[in-house]
């Protein structure tokens, strides 16, 4: 979610688009965590939050993607699925 001084938030940062109306929530959450990290960096030079921004954001994104996939499979039948899927 970041490379050097470039930080990505929201849909620009995700390789798998979230479904089930999760995109806006994830983008707002990204901005919250990035803002908090930047505030800590510029207020007192603490790099802890900015260095862990990618890990924090990716953990939330993949959790959301897993939940979205579960809900999608719950509500839809896929042609290739067997009776036990």
Protein backbone atom coordinates (compact mmCIF):
# COMPACT_ATOMS: atom_id res chain seq x y z
CA UNK A 1 0.00 0.00 0.00
CA UNK A 2 3.06 2.22 -0.01
CA UNK A 3 6.36 2.43 -1.79
CA UNK A 4 8.85 4.97 -0.55
CA UNK A 5 6.91 8.20 -0.08
CA UNK A 6 3.95 7.10 -2.22
CA UNK A 7 0.90 5.93 -0.26
CA UNK A 8 -2.22 4.45 -1.83
CA UNK A 9 -5.69 4.43 -0.31
CA UNK A 10 -9.05 3.04 -1.32
CA UNK A 11 -9.64 1.37 -4.68
CA UNK A 12 -6.28 2.59 -6.01
CA UNK A 13 -4.55 0.28 -3.55
CA UNK A 14 -6.55 -2.93 -4.00
CA UNK A 15 -5.74 -5.64 -6.50
CA UNK A 16 -9.05 -7.36 -5.75
CA UNK A 17 -12.03 -5.02 -5.71
CA UNK A 18 -14.12 -5.42 -2.58
CA UNK A 19 -17.78 -6.29 -3.08
CA UNK A 20 -20.87 -6.11 -0.91
CA UNK A 21 -20.51 -2.31 -0.52
CA UNK A 22 -17.17 -2.55 1.28
CA UNK A 23 -15.18 -0.18 -0.93
CA UNK A 24 -16.19 3.11 0.68
CA UNK A 25 -15.75 1.72 4.18
CA UNK A 26 -12.27 0.44 3.37
CA UNK A 27 -11.26 3.74 1.76
CA UNK A 28 -12.40 5.70 4.82
CA UNK A 29 -10.55 3.27 7.07
CA UNK A 30 -7.39 3.61 4.95
CA UNK A 31 -7.55 7.38 5.29
CA UNK A 32 -8.05 7.13 9.06
CA UNK A 33 -4.99 4.91 9.55
CA UNK A 34 -2.82 6.84 7.10
CA UNK A 35 -3.83 10.16 8.67
CA UNK A 36 -3.02 8.87 12.14
CA UNK A 37 0.34 7.57 10.93
CA UNK A 38 1.23 10.85 9.20
CA UNK A 39 0.21 12.85 12.27
CA UNK A 40 2.49 10.74 14.48
CA UNK A 41 5.33 11.07 11.98
CA UNK A 42 5.14 14.84 11.65
CA UNK A 43 4.22 15.59 15.27
CA UNK A 44 7.05 13.69 16.95
CA UNK A 45 8.98 11.78 14.29
CA UNK A 46 7.49 8.41 15.27
CA UNK A 47 7.70 6.11 12.22
CA UNK A 48 6.04 3.10 13.89
CA UNK A 49 2.57 3.63 12.41
CA UNK A 50 3.74 4.79 8.99
CA UNK A 51 6.05 1.78 8.65
CA UNK A 52 3.23 -0.60 9.55
CA UNK A 53 0.57 1.12 7.38
CA UNK A 54 0.75 -1.47 4.57
CA UNK A 55 0.47 -4.43 6.92
CA UNK A 56 -2.43 -2.83 8.80
CA UNK A 57 -4.31 -1.92 5.62
CA UNK A 58 -3.71 -5.25 3.87
CA UNK A 59 -4.92 -7.21 6.88
CA UNK A 60 -8.22 -5.29 6.78
CA UNK A 61 -8.57 -5.53 2.99
CA UNK A 62 -8.02 -9.29 2.79
CA UNK A 63 -10.39 -9.85 5.69
CA UNK A 64 -13.02 -7.84 3.84
CA UNK A 65 -12.38 -9.71 0.58
CA UNK A 66 -12.79 -13.05 2.37
CA UNK A 67 -16.05 -11.88 3.94
CA UNK A 68 -17.29 -10.56 0.60
CA UNK A 69 -16.47 -13.85 -1.13
CA UNK A 70 -18.24 -15.81 1.59
CA UNK A 71 -21.37 -13.64 1.26
CA UNK A 72 -21.25 -13.84 -2.54
CA UNK A 73 -21.05 -17.65 -2.42
CA UNK A 74 -23.85 -17.71 0.15
CA UNK A 75 -26.21 -15.72 -2.09
CA UNK A 76 -25.29 -17.03 -5.56
CA UNK A 77 -24.94 -20.39 -7.25
CA UNK A 78 -22.01 -20.85 -9.59
CA UNK A 79 -22.31 -23.26 -12.56
CA UNK A 80 -19.05 -25.07 -11.78
CA UNK A 81 -19.95 -25.67 -8.11
CA UNK A 82 -20.75 -29.17 -6.96
CA UNK A 83 -23.46 -30.05 -4.45
CA UNK A 84 -20.82 -30.05 -1.70
CA UNK A 85 -19.30 -26.60 -2.39
